[in-house]
Amino acid sequence: MSNSRFVHLHVHTEFSLADSTIRVPAKPDQADPKKAKQANLLSRSVELGLPALAVTDLNNLFALVKFYKAAEGVGIKPIAGADVLIAEEGQDPWRMTLLCRDREGYLSLSRLLTRAWMEGHRPEGGVAIHPDWLKAGNANLFALAGRQSLAGRLAFWRDEQLVRNALKVAGEPGLILDVACGAGRFWPVLAEHANRVILASDPSQDMLDHAPIHHPQELLKRVKTFQSPAFAIGLSANAVDCIFCMQLFQHITRSEHRLAMLGEFHRVSRDTVIVAVRVDARLKRRQPTTDGTPPRPLAAKAQVEAEFKQAGFRLLSHQDFLPGCAAMRVYVLRKAR
C-alpha cells in the first residue's frame, strides 16, 4: 500500500490529441513497470507510488475502459473525469474539470458530453456544455474550476495586483530572487520592470525543467534558474536586492521553521523581502471540512509579525487578499540591521 498523499486530478492522455502524448496501456499487464515495453501513464504512476489517479481528457471518456482495467490491476484507484468547455451560444468558453464520485456521476458526465456533441455549439477547441445543462444534470459530480474560470481569473488578477503593490513598496528592486518559484507563476509580473534581473530557485530540478513550457522565450531569457532549497539558498550574503516568496512560506505552519527560513532570507537579501503568509485574521470562524476534519491551523497575525522582528526585519506594509475573508496576507519587510 502506498504512503503517498498526492493524487493527480487533472491528467490528459493520448486521447486529448492536441495537448498530450501520454499513453494509456493497451493491456492491463502493461501497467506493471516490470512488464511494460515502454513507460506509460500507469507504469509511471506505480513507480511514483500514487494511491489514486484521475484521467480528465478534453470533452471525452475514450480512455476510460483501458484506464480503469489497468489501474485496478496495479492497485491504483481510478477516478473518471473530463475537462469540459462551459459557454452559452456566442460566448467564449471557459474550462472546468468534472470528476465522477460514483456510477451516477459517470452517467451524469456521459449525458453532458453526449448532449454537448449532439446539441452544443462548437467554439474553437471543441464543443461547449451550456451552463443550464450543467445545473440540471450534475448529480454526483465534483467540479474543479481553475484559472480559466471567472473565479480563477479574478483570483489570479488579485494576486498580480498584490505583487505589483508590494514591489512598489519595496522600491522596485532591480535584482530579485523568486524562492520556491515552481513553474514561475509570477515571472510575467516580475518582468514588467524592464531593467529588473530575475533569479529563480526551486528545490525541484524537475519543476525548473517543466517551467519553460508555460512561458514565452522572451521572458525566459530574463530569468536565471537554479536548484536550491529555501532553507539553504545557494547564494552569498547580501546577494540580491529583494527576496520574493509567494508560495512556499505561506504553507509553513511551525514557528521554528518560519524563523529558520526568515533567517536565510535575512542573510541573502541586501534590503527587502516580499512574502505571503496564511494568517488567522478573518472575521468569521473557520469551519471544519466536509468530512469533519478540523481546518489546518493558521498562525496568529501578532505571532507572525513578532517572528519578523525576531529575524531582524521591520514591517513596511501588508495587504490582505480579501480583507476579513481570505487568510492570505502579503508582507513587505526591510532588514533592520
Protein backbone atom coordinates (compact mmCIF):
# COMPACT_ATOMS: atom_id res chain seq x y z
CA MET A 1 0.00 0.00 0.00
CA SER A 2 1.38 3.41 -0.98
CA ASN A 3 2.04 6.06 1.67
CA SER A 4 1.78 8.88 -0.88
CA ARG A 5 -0.86 11.53 -0.19
CA PHE A 6 -0.54 13.26 -3.56
CA VAL A 7 -3.09 12.49 -6.27
CA HIS A 8 -3.17 13.91 -9.79
CA LEU A 9 -6.71 15.09 -10.50
CA HIS A 10 -6.05 16.68 -13.90
CA VAL A 11 -4.33 14.42 -16.43
CA HIS A 12 -4.68 14.42 -20.23
CA THR A 13 -3.73 11.34 -22.23
CA GLU A 14 -3.21 10.49 -25.89
CA PHE A 15 -6.98 10.89 -26.27
CA SER A 16 -6.55 14.64 -25.87
CA LEU A 17 -4.88 14.81 -29.25
CA ALA A 18 -3.90 18.48 -29.23
CA ASP A 19 -2.01 18.62 -25.93
CA SER A 20 -0.86 15.22 -24.69
CA THR A 21 1.08 12.15 -25.80
CA ILE A 22 0.80 10.25 -22.50
CA ARG A 23 -0.10 6.67 -23.31
CA VAL A 24 -2.69 4.55 -21.52
CA PRO A 25 -1.55 0.90 -21.60
CA ALA A 26 -3.45 -1.10 -24.21
CA LYS A 27 -3.37 -4.19 -21.98
CA PRO A 28 -3.69 -4.24 -18.18
CA ASP A 29 -0.42 -6.13 -17.66
CA GLN A 30 1.47 -3.24 -19.30
CA ALA A 31 0.68 -1.14 -16.22
CA ASP A 32 3.32 -3.16 -14.34
CA PRO A 33 6.66 -1.31 -14.75
CA LYS A 34 8.46 -4.66 -14.96
CA LYS A 35 6.30 -5.82 -17.89
CA ALA A 36 5.75 -2.53 -19.72
CA LYS A 37 7.53 -2.36 -23.08
CA GLN A 38 7.73 1.42 -22.67
CA ALA A 39 6.77 3.82 -19.91
CA ASN A 40 3.08 4.72 -19.79
CA LEU A 41 0.67 6.55 -17.51
CA LEU A 42 0.07 3.65 -15.14
CA SER A 43 3.59 2.21 -15.07
CA ARG A 44 4.96 5.61 -14.12
CA SER A 45 2.21 6.09 -11.50
CA VAL A 46 3.20 2.77 -9.94
CA GLU A 47 6.84 3.89 -9.79
CA LEU A 48 5.78 7.13 -8.08
CA GLY A 49 3.63 5.29 -5.55
CA LEU A 50 0.41 7.14 -6.39
CA PRO A 51 -2.60 5.76 -4.50
CA ALA A 52 -5.14 7.11 -6.99
CA LEU A 53 -5.25 8.91 -10.34
CA ALA A 54 -7.79 10.82 -12.41
CA VAL A 55 -7.88 10.94 -16.21
CA THR A 56 -9.61 14.10 -17.46
CA ASP A 57 -9.31 14.24 -21.24
CA LEU A 58 -10.93 17.15 -23.05
CA ASN A 59 -14.58 16.51 -23.87
CA ASN A 60 -14.29 12.71 -23.94
CA LEU A 61 -14.11 9.50 -21.93
CA PHE A 62 -12.39 7.43 -24.62
CA ALA A 63 -9.55 6.29 -22.32
CA LEU A 64 -11.82 5.22 -19.51
CA VAL A 65 -12.15 1.45 -20.07
CA LYS A 66 -8.42 0.85 -20.64
CA PHE A 67 -7.53 3.20 -17.79
CA TYR A 68 -9.87 1.53 -15.30
CA LYS A 69 -8.71 -2.01 -16.07
CA ALA A 70 -5.03 -1.11 -15.94
CA ALA A 71 -5.33 0.98 -12.76
CA GLU A 72 -7.28 -1.64 -10.83
CA GLY A 73 -4.78 -4.28 -11.91
CA VAL A 74 -1.93 -2.48 -10.13
CA GLY A 75 -3.86 -1.32 -7.07
CA ILE A 76 -4.34 2.33 -8.08
CA LYS A 77 -7.80 3.80 -7.53
CA PRO A 78 -9.05 5.10 -10.91
CA ILE A 79 -11.05 8.33 -10.97
CA ALA A 80 -13.16 9.06 -14.04
CA GLY A 81 -13.47 12.62 -15.26
CA ALA A 82 -13.16 15.05 -18.12
CA ASP A 83 -12.22 18.60 -18.92
CA VAL A 84 -15.24 20.35 -20.40
CA LEU A 85 -15.89 23.71 -22.00
CA ILE A 86 -18.71 25.78 -20.48
CA ALA A 87 -20.41 28.51 -22.51
CA GLU A 88 -23.67 29.81 -23.86
CA GLU A 89 -24.14 30.27 -27.58
CA GLY A 90 -21.85 33.01 -28.89
CA GLN A 91 -19.77 33.29 -25.70
CA ASP A 92 -16.12 32.48 -25.23
CA PRO A 93 -15.91 29.19 -23.27
CA TRP A 94 -14.02 28.54 -20.05
CA ARG A 95 -12.80 25.19 -18.80
CA MET A 96 -13.99 23.17 -15.86
CA THR A 97 -12.79 19.77 -14.69
CA LEU A 98 -15.59 17.36 -13.74
CA LEU A 99 -14.80 14.26 -11.63
CA CYS A 100 -17.19 11.38 -11.06
CA ARG A 101 -17.95 10.44 -7.49
CA ASP A 102 -19.52 7.09 -8.43
CA ARG A 103 -21.55 5.35 -11.16
CA GLU A 104 -24.25 8.00 -11.03
CA GLY A 105 -21.61 10.68 -11.52
CA TYR A 106 -20.28 8.76 -14.52
CA LEU A 107 -23.77 8.66 -16.01
CA SER A 108 -24.22 12.39 -15.41
CA LEU A 109 -20.92 13.18 -17.14
CA SER A 110 -21.73 10.83 -20.03
CA ARG A 111 -25.07 12.56 -20.61
CA LEU A 112 -23.48 16.00 -20.52
CA LEU A 113 -20.78 15.06 -23.01
CA THR A 114 -23.25 13.33 -25.33
CA ARG A 115 -25.53 16.36 -25.31
CA ALA A 116 -22.60 18.68 -25.92
CA TRP A 117 -21.52 16.76 -29.02
CA MET A 118 -25.08 16.49 -30.32
CA GLU A 119 -26.55 19.90 -29.40
CA GLY A 120 -23.80 22.16 -28.13
CA HIS A 121 -22.22 24.96 -30.15
CA ARG A 122 -18.65 24.46 -31.28
CA PRO A 123 -16.15 27.11 -30.24
CA GLU A 124 -12.50 26.73 -31.13
CA GLY A 125 -11.08 23.75 -29.27
CA GLY A 126 -14.14 21.53 -29.00
CA VAL A 127 -17.78 21.55 -28.04
CA ALA A 128 -19.36 23.51 -25.20
CA ILE A 129 -21.79 22.49 -22.47
CA HIS A 130 -24.49 25.06 -21.81
CA PRO A 131 -24.42 26.23 -18.15
CA ASP A 132 -28.10 25.32 -17.76
CA TRP A 133 -27.36 21.71 -18.72
CA LEU A 134 -24.71 21.52 -16.04
CA LYS A 135 -27.05 23.00 -13.42
CA ALA A 136 -29.73 20.44 -14.25
CA GLY A 137 -27.53 17.37 -14.62
CA ASN A 138 -24.64 17.48 -12.17
CA ALA A 139 -25.63 14.64 -9.83
CA ASN A 140 -22.60 13.14 -8.04
CA LEU A 141 -20.06 15.21 -9.95
CA PHE A 142 -17.24 17.19 -8.38
CA ALA A 143 -16.26 20.37 -10.22
CA LEU A 144 -12.78 21.93 -10.21
CA ALA A 145 -12.79 25.48 -11.54
CA GLY A 146 -9.24 26.51 -12.36
CA ARG A 147 -7.57 29.70 -13.53
CA GLN A 148 -9.62 29.85 -16.73
CA SER A 149 -12.89 30.13 -14.83
CA LEU A 150 -14.25 33.53 -13.86
CA ALA A 151 -13.38 32.91 -10.20
CA GLY A 152 -9.91 31.72 -11.17
CA ARG A 153 -9.24 34.72 -13.38
CA LEU A 154 -10.36 37.12 -10.65
CA ALA A 155 -8.19 35.40 -8.04
CA PHE A 156 -5.14 35.50 -10.30
CA TRP A 157 -5.77 39.16 -11.12
CA ARG A 158 -5.91 39.93 -7.39
CA ASP A 159 -2.64 38.04 -6.80
CA GLU A 160 -0.95 40.07 -9.53
CA GLN A 161 -2.20 43.33 -8.05
CA LEU A 162 -0.85 42.38 -4.62
CA VAL A 163 2.55 41.62 -6.16
CA ARG A 164 2.69 44.89 -8.11
CA ASN A 165 1.81 46.87 -4.99
CA ALA A 166 4.41 45.01 -2.92
CA LEU A 167 7.14 45.61 -5.49
CA LYS A 168 6.32 49.31 -5.46
CA VAL A 169 6.58 49.46 -1.65
CA ALA A 170 9.91 47.60 -1.86
CA GLY A 171 11.25 50.32 -4.15
CA GLU A 172 11.03 48.37 -7.43
CA PRO A 173 14.11 46.21 -6.68
CA GLY A 174 16.48 45.69 -9.57
CA LEU A 175 17.79 42.23 -8.60
CA ILE A 176 15.16 39.86 -7.21
CA LEU A 177 15.21 36.20 -6.20
CA ASP A 178 11.99 34.20 -6.56
CA VAL A 179 12.32 31.49 -3.89
CA ALA A 180 10.45 28.20 -4.42
CA CYS A 181 9.33 29.59 -7.77
CA GLY A 182 7.58 26.45 -9.00
CA ALA A 183 6.61 26.92 -12.65
CA GLY A 184 7.18 30.67 -12.48
CA ARG A 185 3.63 31.79 -11.84
CA PHE A 186 4.71 35.37 -11.08
CA TRP A 187 7.56 35.77 -13.56
CA PRO A 188 5.47 37.82 -16.04
CA VAL A 189 4.66 40.35 -13.28
CA LEU A 190 8.25 40.47 -12.03
CA ALA A 191 9.40 41.10 -15.61
CA GLU A 192 7.14 44.13 -16.10
CA HIS A 193 10.05 46.27 -14.85
CA ALA A 194 12.25 46.37 -17.96
CA ASN A 195 15.59 46.57 -16.15
CA ARG A 196 14.89 44.03 -13.43
CA VAL A 197 17.17 40.99 -13.18
CA ILE A 198 15.26 37.89 -12.06
CA LEU A 199 16.81 34.89 -10.32
CA ALA A 200 14.58 31.93 -9.51
CA SER A 201 15.26 28.90 -7.32
CA ASP A 202 13.28 25.78 -6.51
CA PRO A 203 14.14 22.60 -4.58
CA SER A 204 12.95 20.50 -7.53
CA GLN A 205 15.00 20.42 -10.73
CA ASP A 206 12.07 18.66 -12.40
CA MET A 207 9.90 21.68 -11.66
CA LEU A 208 12.51 24.05 -13.07
CA ASP A 209 12.74 21.89 -16.20
CA HIS A 210 8.96 21.99 -16.52
CA ALA A 211 8.59 25.76 -16.09
CA PRO A 212 9.68 26.80 -19.63
CA ILE A 213 6.61 25.26 -21.27
CA HIS A 214 4.46 27.88 -19.54
CA HIS A 215 6.33 30.99 -20.72
CA PRO A 216 7.50 32.61 -23.96
CA GLN A 217 11.17 32.62 -24.86
CA GLU A 218 11.46 36.39 -24.46
CA LEU A 219 10.51 36.07 -20.80
CA LEU A 220 12.69 33.03 -20.17
CA LYS A 221 15.76 34.94 -21.41
CA ARG A 222 15.34 37.26 -18.42
CA VAL A 223 15.09 34.54 -15.76
CA LYS A 224 18.12 32.62 -14.46
CA THR A 225 17.05 29.50 -12.58
CA PHE A 226 18.98 27.24 -10.21
CA GLN A 227 18.10 24.35 -7.91
CA SER A 228 18.30 25.22 -4.23
CA PRO A 229 16.42 24.51 -1.00
CA ALA A 230 14.74 27.52 0.57
CA PHE A 231 16.41 26.89 3.95
CA ALA A 232 19.92 26.98 2.47
CA ILE A 233 19.89 29.19 -0.61
CA GLY A 234 22.93 28.74 -2.83
CA LEU A 235 23.90 32.42 -2.89
CA SER A 236 26.31 34.54 -0.88
CA ALA A 237 25.27 37.06 1.79
CA ASN A 238 23.51 40.21 0.53
CA ALA A 239 23.42 38.72 -2.96
CA VAL A 240 20.09 40.22 -4.10
CA ASP A 241 18.09 43.38 -3.51
CA CYS A 242 14.89 41.52 -2.67
CA ILE A 243 13.70 38.02 -1.90
CA PHE A 244 10.25 37.16 -3.23
CA CYS A 245 8.41 34.14 -1.78
CA MET A 246 4.71 33.99 -2.59
CA GLN A 247 4.12 30.25 -2.49
CA LEU A 248 6.18 28.19 -0.04
CA PHE A 249 6.30 30.35 3.09
CA GLN A 250 2.52 30.57 3.47
CA HIS A 251 2.32 26.78 3.86
CA ILE A 252 4.80 26.56 6.75
CA THR A 253 2.87 26.09 9.97
CA ARG A 254 5.63 25.71 12.59
CA SER A 255 7.15 28.84 14.10
CA GLU A 256 10.69 27.44 14.29
CA HIS A 257 10.61 26.57 10.59
CA ARG A 258 9.38 30.04 9.64
CA LEU A 259 12.15 31.60 11.72
CA ALA A 260 14.77 29.37 10.07
CA MET A 261 13.61 30.42 6.61
CA LEU A 262 13.42 34.08 7.59
CA GLY A 263 16.98 33.84 8.86
CA GLU A 264 18.12 32.60 5.47
CA PHE A 265 16.15 35.36 3.72
CA HIS A 266 17.86 37.90 6.00
CA ARG A 267 21.29 36.51 5.05
CA VAL A 268 20.74 36.56 1.27
CA SER A 269 18.71 39.76 0.81
CA ARG A 270 20.50 43.08 0.89
CA ASP A 271 17.35 45.10 1.51
CA THR A 272 13.79 43.73 1.34
CA VAL A 273 11.67 40.59 1.46
CA ILE A 274 8.20 40.08 -0.04
CA VAL A 275 6.45 37.10 1.48
CA ALA A 276 2.93 35.67 1.53
CA VAL A 277 1.65 34.27 4.83
CA ARG A 278 -1.53 32.48 5.82
CA VAL A 279 -2.65 34.26 8.98
CA ASP A 280 -5.73 33.94 11.13
CA ALA A 281 -7.07 37.45 10.59
CA ARG A 282 -10.57 36.67 9.36
CA LEU A 283 -13.83 37.92 10.76
CA LYS A 284 -15.57 34.54 10.73
CA ARG A 285 -14.58 31.37 12.47
CA ARG A 286 -13.15 28.77 10.10
CA GLN A 287 -15.38 25.71 9.68
CA PRO A 288 -14.33 22.05 9.55
CA THR A 289 -14.05 20.38 6.16
CA THR A 290 -16.94 18.39 4.73
CA ASP A 291 -15.61 15.15 6.24
CA GLY A 292 -15.35 16.74 9.70
CA THR A 293 -11.56 17.22 9.63
CA PRO A 294 -10.52 20.36 11.53
CA PRO A 295 -9.11 23.09 9.30
CA ARG A 296 -5.34 23.46 9.12
CA PRO A 297 -4.22 25.79 11.92
CA LEU A 298 -3.20 29.30 10.86
CA ALA A 299 -0.63 31.43 12.59
CA ALA A 300 -1.86 34.42 14.56
CA LYS A 301 -1.06 37.75 12.92
CA ALA A 302 0.70 39.01 16.05
CA GLN A 303 2.85 35.89 16.24
CA VAL A 304 3.99 36.10 12.62
CA GLU A 305 4.81 39.78 12.90
CA ALA A 306 6.78 39.10 16.09
CA GLU A 307 8.77 36.46 14.18
CA PHE A 308 9.60 39.04 11.50
CA LYS A 309 11.04 41.31 14.20
CA GLN A 310 12.92 38.45 15.84
CA ALA A 311 14.52 37.58 12.49
CA GLY A 312 15.77 41.13 12.05
CA PHE A 313 13.11 42.72 9.84
CA ARG A 314 10.83 45.70 10.20
CA LEU A 315 7.40 45.78 8.61
CA LEU A 316 6.90 48.17 5.69
CA SER A 317 3.39 47.15 4.64
CA HIS A 318 0.87 44.37 4.40
CA GLN A 319 -2.06 43.63 2.10
CA ASP A 320 -4.83 41.07 2.51
CA PHE A 321 -6.11 39.03 -0.42
CA LEU A 322 -9.68 39.74 0.69
CA PRO A 323 -9.79 41.74 3.95
CA GLY A 324 -11.72 39.93 6.65
CA CYS A 325 -12.37 36.86 4.47
CA ALA A 326 -9.31 35.22 2.90
CA ALA A 327 -6.38 34.06 5.02
CA MET A 328 -3.53 35.09 2.70
CA ARG A 329 -1.63 38.28 3.52
CA VAL A 330 1.35 39.71 1.61
CA TYR A 331 4.03 41.40 3.72
CA VAL A 332 6.86 43.68 2.62
CA LEU A 333 9.78 43.60 5.06
CA ARG A 334 13.03 45.54 5.27
CA LYS A 335 16.19 44.47 7.07
CA ALA A 336 16.50 46.32 10.35
CA ARG A 337 20.15 45.53 10.81
